[in-house]
Amino acid sequence: MERIAITDKAATVVRKLKEQHGDLIFHQSGGCCDGSCPMIFEKEDMYLDESDVLLGQLEGVNFYMNRDQFEYWKHTFLTIDITEGRGSSFSLEIPMGIRFIVHSRMLTEEENKVLNP
């Protein structure tokens, strides 16, 4: 059972970024500089530690969220999408005039039992 998905438009952007930059990583920290938005970086540019939770993979790219942020989002299903407009982060899509966003819905009772035992 998954807790994260990606729209077709956002998946197209991820594939394009992978072609340009190689291995990537998604991260959502909840910090400054649009940190509550999902950001995508070259894999070697992102330092992970025990405070990061792996939520799943999107287009072959691991998606991590800071544990503190995850505590707020753990009862939701997340869909990663894009929107027009520049964010104020260092995420790789920003120069394209777009940014990643999150759409969420509450997990069903069954999903919650499996994903948050």
Protein backbone atom coordinates (compact mmCIF):
# COMPACT_ATOMS: atom_id res chain seq x y z
CA MET A 1 0.00 0.00 0.00
CA GLU A 2 1.39 3.37 -1.01
CA ARG A 3 1.20 6.72 0.76
CA ILE A 4 2.47 8.88 -2.11
CA ALA A 5 1.78 9.33 -5.84
CA ILE A 6 2.66 11.73 -8.64
CA THR A 7 0.59 13.32 -11.40
CA ASP A 8 1.45 12.73 -15.05
CA LYS A 9 2.55 16.37 -15.49
CA ALA A 10 4.86 16.21 -12.48
CA ALA A 11 6.22 12.82 -13.60
CA THR A 12 7.14 14.35 -16.97
CA VAL A 13 9.09 17.09 -15.16
CA VAL A 14 10.91 14.52 -13.01
CA ARG A 15 11.92 12.51 -16.07
CA LYS A 16 13.23 15.67 -17.77
CA LEU A 17 15.21 16.62 -14.65
CA LYS A 18 16.67 13.10 -14.43
CA GLU A 19 17.88 13.42 -18.03
CA GLN A 20 19.57 16.74 -17.21
CA HIS A 21 20.93 16.01 -13.73
CA GLY A 22 21.20 12.24 -13.24
CA ASP A 23 20.23 10.66 -9.88
CA LEU A 24 17.79 12.78 -7.90
CA ILE A 25 16.13 12.89 -4.51
CA PHE A 26 12.86 14.48 -3.33
CA HIS A 27 12.79 16.05 0.13
CA GLN A 28 10.16 17.91 2.13
CA SER A 29 11.56 19.43 5.28
CA GLY A 30 9.04 21.88 6.66
CA GLY A 31 11.81 24.46 7.07
CA CYS A 32 12.42 27.84 5.49
CA CYS A 33 12.63 28.72 1.78
CA ASP A 34 9.48 26.84 0.72
CA GLY A 35 10.66 23.93 2.85
CA SER A 36 7.10 22.74 3.37
CA CYS A 37 6.92 22.19 -0.41
CA PRO A 38 8.46 19.12 -2.00
CA MET A 39 11.86 19.90 -3.48
CA ILE A 40 14.02 17.88 -5.84
CA PHE A 41 17.82 17.92 -5.78
CA GLU A 42 20.73 16.07 -7.30
CA LYS A 43 21.15 13.04 -5.05
CA GLU A 44 24.65 13.96 -3.86
CA ASP A 45 23.50 17.49 -2.93
CA MET A 46 21.12 16.28 -0.20
CA TYR A 47 22.35 15.04 3.17
CA LEU A 48 19.96 12.62 4.88
CA ASP A 49 20.08 11.42 8.46
CA GLU A 50 17.93 9.52 10.95
CA SER A 51 15.44 12.42 11.03
CA ASP A 52 14.33 11.69 7.44
CA VAL A 53 11.53 9.24 6.60
CA LEU A 54 11.34 7.49 3.21
CA LEU A 55 7.73 7.75 1.98
CA GLY A 56 8.21 5.97 -1.33
CA GLN A 57 9.54 6.36 -4.85
CA LEU A 58 8.23 8.55 -7.65
CA GLU A 59 9.58 7.93 -11.15
CA GLY A 60 12.50 6.08 -9.56
CA VAL A 61 13.30 8.98 -7.23
CA ASN A 62 13.16 8.41 -3.46
CA PHE A 63 10.87 10.83 -1.62
CA TYR A 64 11.89 11.72 1.94
CA MET A 65 10.21 13.89 4.53
CA ASN A 66 11.68 15.22 7.75
CA ARG A 67 10.35 13.19 10.70
CA ASP A 68 8.83 16.26 12.40
CA GLN A 69 6.96 17.13 9.21
CA PHE A 70 5.94 13.49 8.76
CA GLU A 71 4.20 13.53 12.15
CA TYR A 72 1.78 16.12 10.70
CA TRP A 73 1.31 14.30 7.37
CA LYS A 74 1.35 10.62 8.38
CA HIS A 75 -2.44 10.29 8.21
CA THR A 76 -2.63 11.64 4.66
CA PHE A 77 -2.10 10.32 1.15
CA LEU A 78 0.10 12.74 -0.80
CA THR A 79 0.00 13.42 -4.52
CA ILE A 80 2.90 15.43 -5.92
CA ASP A 81 1.93 17.85 -8.67
CA ILE A 82 3.33 20.96 -10.31
CA THR A 83 2.05 24.50 -10.60
CA GLU A 84 3.21 27.52 -12.54
CA GLY A 85 5.24 30.12 -10.72
CA ARG A 86 8.67 30.25 -9.21
CA GLY A 87 9.15 29.06 -5.68
CA SER A 88 11.83 30.52 -3.47
CA SER A 89 13.85 27.35 -3.03
CA PHE A 90 16.88 25.71 -4.60
CA SER A 91 14.77 22.93 -6.11
CA LEU A 92 15.84 21.96 -9.65
CA GLU A 93 12.51 22.76 -11.33
CA ILE A 94 12.49 26.43 -10.25
CA PRO A 95 14.36 27.75 -13.35
CA MET A 96 11.61 26.14 -15.47
CA GLY A 97 9.06 28.60 -14.02
CA ILE A 98 7.21 25.86 -12.13
CA ARG A 99 7.32 24.30 -8.69
CA PHE A 100 6.21 21.09 -7.06
CA ILE A 101 3.19 21.17 -4.76
CA VAL A 102 1.35 18.61 -2.62
CA HIS A 103 -2.31 17.64 -2.82
CA SER A 104 -3.43 15.58 0.14
CA ARG A 105 -6.37 13.55 1.34
CA MET A 106 -6.92 11.72 4.58
CA LEU A 107 -6.02 8.04 4.54
CA THR A 108 -8.95 5.66 4.58
CA GLU A 109 -9.44 3.63 7.74
CA GLU A 110 -7.93 0.57 6.02
CA GLU A 111 -4.93 2.55 4.68
CA ASN A 112 -4.31 4.04 8.09
CA LYS A 113 -4.29 0.61 9.77
CA VAL A 114 -1.67 -0.66 7.30
CA LEU A 115 0.51 2.46 7.02
CA ASN A 116 0.35 3.59 10.67
CA PRO A 117 0.07 0.40 12.76
